[in-house]
Protein backbone atom coordinates (compact mmCIF):
# COMPACT_ATOMS: atom_id res chain seq x y z
CA UNK A 1 85.66 40.10 91.65
CA UNK A 2 84.90 37.45 90.20
CA UNK A 3 83.75 36.66 87.16
CA UNK A 4 80.05 36.38 88.02
CA UNK A 5 80.62 40.48 88.44
CA UNK A 6 82.74 40.48 85.24
CA UNK A 7 79.10 39.11 84.13
CA UNK A 8 76.63 41.12 85.68
CA UNK A 9 77.93 44.44 84.47
CA UNK A 10 78.16 43.34 81.77
CA UNK A 11 74.34 42.28 81.21
CA UNK A 12 74.15 46.12 83.27
CA UNK A 13 75.66 47.35 79.96
CA UNK A 14 73.22 45.97 77.15
CA UNK A 15 70.23 46.39 79.77
CA UNK A 16 71.48 50.48 80.41
CA UNK A 17 72.94 50.39 76.19
CA UNK A 18 69.44 48.77 75.19
CA UNK A 19 70.67 46.55 72.51
CA UNK A 20 72.31 48.24 69.86
CA UNK A 21 74.78 47.28 72.47
CA UNK A 22 74.47 43.65 70.55
CA UNK A 23 76.77 43.01 67.08
CA UNK A 24 76.83 39.46 65.56
CA UNK A 25 79.91 39.02 64.21
CA UNK A 26 80.32 37.54 60.75
CA UNK A 27 82.87 34.27 60.04
CA UNK A 28 86.59 35.21 59.70
CA UNK A 29 88.72 36.31 56.71
CA UNK A 30 91.78 34.63 57.06
CA UNK A 31 91.42 31.53 59.11
CA UNK A 32 94.83 31.82 60.25
CA UNK A 33 94.53 35.13 62.61
CA UNK A 34 91.80 32.09 64.27
CA UNK A 35 94.27 29.71 64.30
CA UNK A 36 97.06 31.59 65.42
CA UNK A 37 95.69 34.15 68.19
CA UNK A 38 95.64 31.98 71.89
CA UNK A 39 92.91 32.54 74.92
CA UNK A 40 94.02 33.24 77.89
CA UNK A 41 90.98 32.07 80.53
CA UNK A 42 90.05 36.27 81.24
CA UNK A 43 89.80 36.42 77.93
CA UNK A 44 87.70 32.96 77.41
CA UNK A 45 85.97 33.88 80.59
CA UNK A 46 84.94 37.79 78.65
CA UNK A 47 83.70 35.47 75.81
CA UNK A 48 81.73 33.28 78.04
CA UNK A 49 80.32 36.46 79.80
CA UNK A 50 79.34 38.14 76.28
CA UNK A 51 78.07 34.69 75.33
CA UNK A 52 80.63 35.45 72.35
CA UNK A 53 78.73 38.49 70.81
CA UNK A 54 80.39 41.60 69.91
CA UNK A 55 79.50 44.63 72.18
CA UNK A 56 79.45 48.37 71.08
CA UNK A 57 78.92 51.04 73.34
CA UNK A 58 77.90 54.21 72.74
CA UNK A 59 81.45 57.09 73.30
CA UNK A 60 82.01 60.46 73.03
CA UNK A 61 83.43 60.43 69.47
CA UNK A 62 83.23 56.54 67.95
CA UNK A 63 81.76 53.68 69.49
CA UNK A 64 83.63 51.39 71.70
CA UNK A 65 83.62 47.72 69.82
CA UNK A 66 85.01 45.43 72.67
CA UNK A 67 84.94 41.35 70.88
CA UNK A 68 83.34 39.05 72.37
CA UNK A 69 83.92 35.99 70.12
CA UNK A 70 87.30 33.54 68.54
CA UNK A 71 86.88 34.97 65.36
CA UNK A 72 86.09 38.91 66.16
CA UNK A 73 89.42 39.02 67.87
CA UNK A 74 91.66 37.13 65.61
CA UNK A 75 90.34 39.85 63.26
CA UNK A 76 90.93 43.34 65.65
CA UNK A 77 94.70 42.24 65.84
CA UNK A 78 94.73 43.37 62.43
CA UNK A 79 96.94 46.86 61.83
CA UNK A 80 98.66 46.62 65.33
CA UNK A 81 99.69 42.75 66.24
CA UNK A 82 99.79 42.02 62.17
CA UNK A 83 98.80 43.13 58.47
CA UNK A 84 95.68 42.81 56.32
CA UNK A 85 97.91 39.88 55.03
CA UNK A 86 98.46 37.84 58.51
CA UNK A 87 102.26 38.73 58.68
CA UNK A 88 102.91 40.08 62.24
CA UNK A 89 103.54 44.23 63.20
CA UNK A 90 106.86 45.30 64.36
CA UNK A 91 106.60 47.48 67.82
CA UNK A 92 103.74 45.41 69.26
CA UNK A 93 104.48 43.10 71.89
CA UNK A 94 103.25 39.31 71.44
CA UNK A 95 101.11 39.37 74.71
CA UNK A 96 99.06 42.28 73.84
CA UNK A 97 95.86 41.43 73.27
CA UNK A 98 93.47 43.71 71.10
CA UNK A 99 90.66 43.83 72.99
CA UNK A 100 88.81 45.88 71.15
CA UNK A 101 89.08 49.88 69.19
CA UNK A 102 87.72 53.26 69.69
CA UNK A 103 87.93 54.68 66.16
CA UNK A 104 91.56 53.31 65.65
CA UNK A 105 92.65 53.22 69.65
CA UNK A 106 93.17 50.28 70.74
CA UNK A 107 92.17 48.64 74.72
CA UNK A 108 94.76 45.70 74.94
CA UNK A 109 94.91 42.80 77.49
CA UNK A 110 97.52 40.57 78.50
CA UNK A 111 98.72 37.93 80.64
CA UNK A 112 97.16 38.54 83.93
CA UNK A 113 94.13 40.58 82.48
CA UNK A 114 95.15 43.75 82.38
CA UNK A 115 93.64 46.03 81.14
CA UNK A 116 95.81 49.45 78.29
CA UNK A 117 94.52 52.07 76.41
CA UNK A 118 96.93 53.64 74.03
CA UNK A 119 95.89 56.37 70.75
CA UNK A 120 96.70 55.23 67.91
CA UNK A 121 98.93 57.45 65.28
CA UNK A 122 101.52 58.43 68.36
CA UNK A 123 105.13 56.89 66.22
CA UNK A 124 105.12 54.27 68.52
CA UNK A 125 103.51 51.39 71.63
CA UNK A 126 102.67 52.70 74.99
CA UNK A 127 99.06 51.81 76.49
CA UNK A 128 98.85 52.87 79.90
CA UNK A 129 96.79 50.70 82.49
CA UNK A 130 93.30 51.83 82.65
CA UNK A 131 92.29 48.53 85.07
CA UNK A 132 94.16 45.59 86.77
CA UNK A 133 90.99 43.35 85.59
CA UNK A 134 88.68 42.50 82.95
CA UNK A 135 85.88 42.64 85.60
CA UNK A 136 87.22 46.65 87.16
CA UNK A 137 87.25 47.82 83.39
CA UNK A 138 83.70 46.59 83.27
CA UNK A 139 82.71 48.16 86.15
CA UNK A 140 84.10 51.12 85.11
CA UNK A 141 82.21 50.99 81.87
CA UNK A 142 78.40 50.10 83.62
CA UNK A 143 79.49 53.53 85.38
CA UNK A 144 79.99 55.08 82.02
CA UNK A 145 77.06 54.12 80.65
CA UNK A 146 74.78 55.35 83.67
CA UNK A 147 76.01 58.34 83.13
CA UNK A 148 76.67 58.84 79.55
CA UNK A 149 73.54 56.93 78.34
CA UNK A 150 71.04 56.84 81.77
CA UNK A 151 71.31 59.92 83.52
CA UNK A 152 72.22 62.26 80.46
CA UNK A 153 71.70 60.12 77.31
CA UNK A 154 74.63 61.52 75.58
CA UNK A 155 73.65 65.48 76.59
CA UNK A 156 77.13 65.59 77.80
CA UNK A 157 78.31 68.69 74.83
CA UNK A 158 77.97 72.36 75.14
CA UNK A 159 77.75 74.85 72.04
CA UNK A 160 81.17 74.97 71.86
CA UNK A 161 80.92 71.24 71.50
CA UNK A 162 83.10 70.71 73.95
CA UNK A 163 82.19 67.51 76.98
CA UNK A 164 80.60 69.83 80.31
CA UNK A 165 82.97 69.64 83.01
CA UNK A 166 79.84 68.33 84.74
CA UNK A 167 79.99 65.04 83.57
CA UNK A 168 83.22 65.20 83.54
CA UNK A 169 83.31 65.49 87.07
CA UNK A 170 80.49 63.35 87.55
CA UNK A 171 82.73 60.31 85.51
CA UNK A 172 85.71 61.55 87.28
CA UNK A 173 84.03 60.98 90.81
CA UNK A 174 82.68 57.49 89.36
CA UNK A 175 84.76 56.20 88.61
CA UNK A 176 86.93 55.84 91.16
CA UNK A 177 84.44 53.34 93.14
CA UNK A 178 85.78 50.68 90.40
CA UNK A 179 89.69 51.95 89.58
CA UNK A 180 92.10 53.77 91.88
CA UNK A 181 92.93 56.85 90.90
CA UNK A 182 96.58 56.48 88.04
CA UNK A 183 93.68 53.45 86.49
CA UNK A 184 90.94 56.56 87.15
CA UNK A 185 92.88 59.46 84.49
CA UNK A 186 93.38 56.47 82.28
CA UNK A 187 90.01 55.82 81.80
CA UNK A 188 89.76 59.54 81.78
CA UNK A 189 92.25 60.05 78.91
CA UNK A 190 89.68 57.66 76.54
CA UNK A 191 86.74 60.03 77.35
CA UNK A 192 88.86 62.61 75.99
CA UNK A 193 88.67 64.41 79.60
C-alpha cells in the first residue's frame, strides 16, 4: 500500500464520520516541543494525507484523536515522551512518537512506520504492533468507521453495556482484510473486545 492509499482511506474515514471527524489544532503551547521532535517521512505523509488537520474518530468510549500536524504531534508527546515542561520522561523509548491517543492510551509510530498501541496505567510501557504501516492502520480505521458509524450507527451495546458479540465478530472478520491475525488481535484490544 502506498501514500495514495493512505489518503484514500483517510478521506473515506472523514466521509463516513462526517464533519465531526476533523478538528482544528491550535498553536503549540511550547515552541520547544515542536522544534525538538523530528518527523519521519511516514509521519510527513500522514500529515499531508490529513491536510494538516487532526482527526477525531468515534470509538467505543473515548474518541480516538489522531494528530494531523507538527504542533498537535508535539503537544501530544506530553505525558508520554516529555512532561508538561518539556523534560524527557524515563521509560519512553527515543524512537516512539505518539501519533494520537484514546482516553490516554497512546497510538505510537516508530521509524519504518510500524504503528503500536498500549494501555496507560500498567506501570511500564509495553506497546504491541497494531499495524505494519500507517496505511494499513488507516485501512483498519476506515473499516472500523464503516461498521461502527455507518452500518451500526454507533448502536453496538446491549442492555448491560457490553459490546454485542455480533458486532465484534463482524469487526474481527472485516479487520482481517487490513491486518494479519496478530495485529488484528491488537486492534480488537483497542476496540475492547
